[in-house]
Amino acid sequence: MRLRSGKSSEKPRSRGGSFDKVTTLWSETAGTGVHQNGFYRVFGAIFLLLSTPPFSLAVWSIFVQHKGSIFDFVSHIKYGCTNFTAFMDGMPGFSLEAVYYVAAFGLFQAFLQLFVPGKTFTGPVSPKGNRPVYIDNGVSCFLITLVAFFASWKMGWFQPARVYDHFGEILNTLNVFAIVLCFLLTVKGCVFPSSSDSGSNGSFLFDYFWGTELYPRIGKHFDIKQWTNCRMGLMAWSVLPLCFMAKQLETEGFVSNSMLVCVLLKQVYIFKFFLWETGYFCTMDIAHDRAGFYICWGCLVWVPSVYTSPALHLVQHPNQLPNAVAATILGLGLFCIYVNWSADEQKKAFRASNGKALVWGEKPKFITAKYTTADGDVKTSLLLLSGWWGISRHFHYVPEILAAFFWTVPALFDHIMPYFYVIFLTILLVDRAFRDDARCAAKYGKYWNQYKRHVPYKILPLVL
């Protein structure tokens, strides 16, 4: 990836490293909490920094050591208070094998990101006027990763069940790597940033938590946030459930249809993501949230730990569902993934055609929203009022949450912990809807108010 100025007449190129700047009036910190002073901001950052790394290991312990039982885990914690040495002996440490898995996977994904060919895609104008240019090769990288996974397993070069055996150590390794990486990114954004979308937030603590740079790169072409979010986080979300499925096959001698439904829905969802990856480059994660602990640690550790947890749970719970029930869950999950993709693709096609693409067979309704740059240039964005985007401003979150439910429900209801991801995702997306509202209100002003009169609900009509 490289960055270029926000001038729409410039043709995107796949290589280069110059930066131009057009300072815009909307706030790059709207909806971030950066300017929220006092106790809430400091406590929130400290709480997440201190609690989430050990929580990622607690998730592993609950599913692997305690078969999904929170009550057994709490009893284990109480036991640890009286016998700390024995408690620590049961916790994962570090191993060269775990380091090898993380390093090999990370380097392989970096290689694919850099060298697999693809079309160029230019991201949206940033608050400082930069436009990132990416290589759209996500689908190819995803398919190559799956082929490499199954081929290396078939040839005996790699035993995926061992990833489950060393998963606690892998999470420890990822935690250390992510914590160090976030520190280096904090320094980089202040000392030698890759673009003008950078700088301190006024506090080292919040700099580390939120990040000091929007589009950090190594050299001219390697985009760090694309690597952490898409190539490490999303690819791990695909590969790890396959490893857990292999472990169930090794221990049980078969793969349950509950595991098959869970893993298949995840693979389809992630394939859908990479089909739409250029749309992701225009979302808050990439175009608004800086590369700090919040995003980078989350994609490197939280995604492998939490997002894969339904499949992790099923390793020791090989539920064999009635075929009709399994088929129904699979069908409903696929339908939700399709609706989610349809909504994202609808907006993507609308933007690419400058509002000319038909939406549900009709000409779309939209608002031409204007915003002004600091040098007086007036720019426009089109706010879609038709199709899925006329139902609510973030209706696509509804099928996304439902899809997560359907790949979790094969775990049945003996334990609540497999549904932690669904609960977390709901909270995350509701929060994101509010943050996106704040960002768009700061950018579009009266046009956003006009848009909200046409589409009054954030996510679910009549509810929110």
Foldseek 3Di string as FASTA:
>chain_A
DEKEFQDPVDDDDQFDADYDWFAFQFDLCFLPCLPVDDDVVVVVLVCCVPPVLVVLQLLLCCCPVVLNDPVVSVVLVVVCVVVVVVSVVPAADADPVLVVVVVVLLVLLQCCQQPVAADKDWEHQANGRMIDIGGLCQLVSLVVLVVVVVVCVVVVVDQLLVCSVRVRNNLVVLLVVLLVVLVVQLVCQDPPASYPQFDDSPDSSVCQRQHGHQFGADPRNRTPLCSQAQRQQLSLLLSNLVSLQSLLCVPVVDAALLSVLLNVLSSVLSSLCSVLVSLVCHDCLRRRGHPHCNRRSCRRNVRNRQVNSLSSSCSVPRDHDDPVVSVVLSVLLVVLSVVLSLVSVQVVVCVVVVQQDAAPNHRWDWDWFWGATPVGDIDTDTGTCDDCCVQAVPQSLVSVLVSSVSSNCSSPPPHCRSCPSSVVSVVVVVSSLVSVLRSVCSGRPPSSVVVCVSHVHSHHPPPD
